[in-house]
Amino acid sequence: MGFKTITIKTSVYNKLVKAKKENESFSEFFDRTVSKKPDLWKYYGAWKLKKGEAKKIKKEIMLERERMDKEWKERLKRYESP
């Protein structure tokens, strides 16, 4: 197993010391922290929409996806053809 040295500000180090568990190494802390999957359900219902806003947002998302798909296909054509 290899090791890496990183440089951080003292203020950041102090925050990390407070954030990690008492008997936890920094490697264990970082591994635990970056391995977490966010609990998106805690945000469910947090955004209060006015009537019709959800449909408008969904329509905008779908239009953007279509635009991106079209752009992606055009890029592929440029790279595939000599």
Protein backbone atom coordinates (compact mmCIF):
# COMPACT_ATOMS: atom_id res chain seq x y z
CA MET A 1 0.00 0.00 0.00
CA GLY A 2 1.36 3.42 -0.96
CA PHE A 3 1.10 6.72 0.83
CA LYS A 4 0.74 10.29 -0.41
CA THR A 5 1.45 13.55 1.37
CA ILE A 6 -0.90 16.48 0.89
CA THR A 7 -0.55 20.10 1.97
CA ILE A 8 -3.50 21.92 3.50
CA LYS A 9 -3.95 25.13 5.46
CA THR A 10 -3.87 24.89 9.25
CA SER A 11 -7.44 26.19 9.39
CA VAL A 12 -8.59 23.33 7.12
CA TYR A 13 -6.62 20.79 9.17
CA ASN A 14 -8.34 22.00 12.34
CA LYS A 15 -11.76 21.58 10.71
CA LEU A 16 -10.84 18.06 9.59
CA VAL A 17 -9.70 17.11 13.09
CA LYS A 18 -13.09 18.20 14.43
CA ALA A 19 -14.98 16.39 11.65
CA LYS A 20 -13.33 12.98 11.98
CA LYS A 21 -14.20 10.46 14.65
CA GLU A 22 -11.99 10.30 17.75
CA ASN A 23 -10.27 7.00 16.99
CA GLU A 24 -10.34 7.38 13.22
CA SER A 25 -7.28 7.94 11.05
CA PHE A 26 -7.37 10.61 8.37
CA SER A 27 -7.22 7.86 5.73
CA GLU A 28 -10.28 6.21 7.26
CA PHE A 29 -12.03 9.59 7.52
CA PHE A 30 -11.36 10.50 3.89
CA ASP A 31 -12.37 7.04 2.70
CA ARG A 32 -15.61 7.20 4.67
CA THR A 33 -16.33 10.72 3.48
CA VAL A 34 -15.75 10.20 -0.24
CA SER A 35 -17.45 6.79 -0.26
CA LYS A 36 -20.75 8.19 1.00
CA LYS A 37 -23.61 8.37 -1.45
CA PRO A 38 -25.70 11.49 -0.86
CA ASP A 39 -29.15 10.92 0.57
CA LEU A 40 -31.13 12.79 -2.06
CA TRP A 41 -34.42 11.96 -0.38
CA LYS A 42 -33.68 14.49 2.36
CA TYR A 43 -34.15 17.21 -0.28
CA TYR A 44 -37.49 15.85 -1.48
CA GLY A 45 -40.09 18.59 -1.29
CA ALA A 46 -37.57 21.26 -0.34
CA TRP A 47 -38.21 23.25 -3.51
CA LYS A 48 -41.67 24.76 -3.39
CA LEU A 49 -42.93 25.29 -6.93
CA LYS A 50 -45.77 27.46 -8.08
CA LYS A 51 -48.50 25.93 -10.19
CA GLY A 52 -47.19 24.97 -13.64
CA GLU A 53 -43.50 25.55 -12.79
CA ALA A 54 -42.71 21.83 -12.60
CA LYS A 55 -44.08 21.26 -16.12
CA LYS A 56 -42.12 24.24 -17.44
CA ILE A 57 -38.90 23.01 -15.84
CA LYS A 58 -39.45 19.48 -17.14
CA LYS A 59 -40.07 20.83 -20.65
CA GLU A 60 -36.87 22.90 -20.50
CA ILE A 61 -34.89 19.86 -19.33
CA MET A 62 -36.29 17.71 -22.13
CA LEU A 63 -35.49 20.40 -24.74
CA GLU A 64 -31.94 20.69 -23.41
CA ARG A 65 -31.49 16.91 -23.51
CA GLU A 66 -32.71 16.84 -27.12
CA ARG A 67 -30.31 19.66 -28.03
CA MET A 68 -27.41 17.87 -26.36
CA ASP A 69 -28.28 14.56 -28.08
CA LYS A 70 -28.37 16.30 -31.45
CA GLU A 71 -25.05 18.04 -30.75
CA TRP A 72 -23.47 14.76 -29.63
CA LYS A 73 -24.61 12.95 -32.78
CA GLU A 74 -23.21 15.75 -34.94
CA ARG A 75 -19.86 15.49 -33.14
CA LEU A 76 -19.79 11.74 -33.66
CA LYS A 77 -20.43 12.18 -37.37
CA ARG A 78 -17.50 14.61 -37.66
CA TYR A 79 -15.13 12.19 -35.94
CA GLU A 80 -16.35 9.06 -37.72
CA SER A 81 -16.11 10.43 -41.25
CA PRO A 82 -12.62 10.95 -42.73
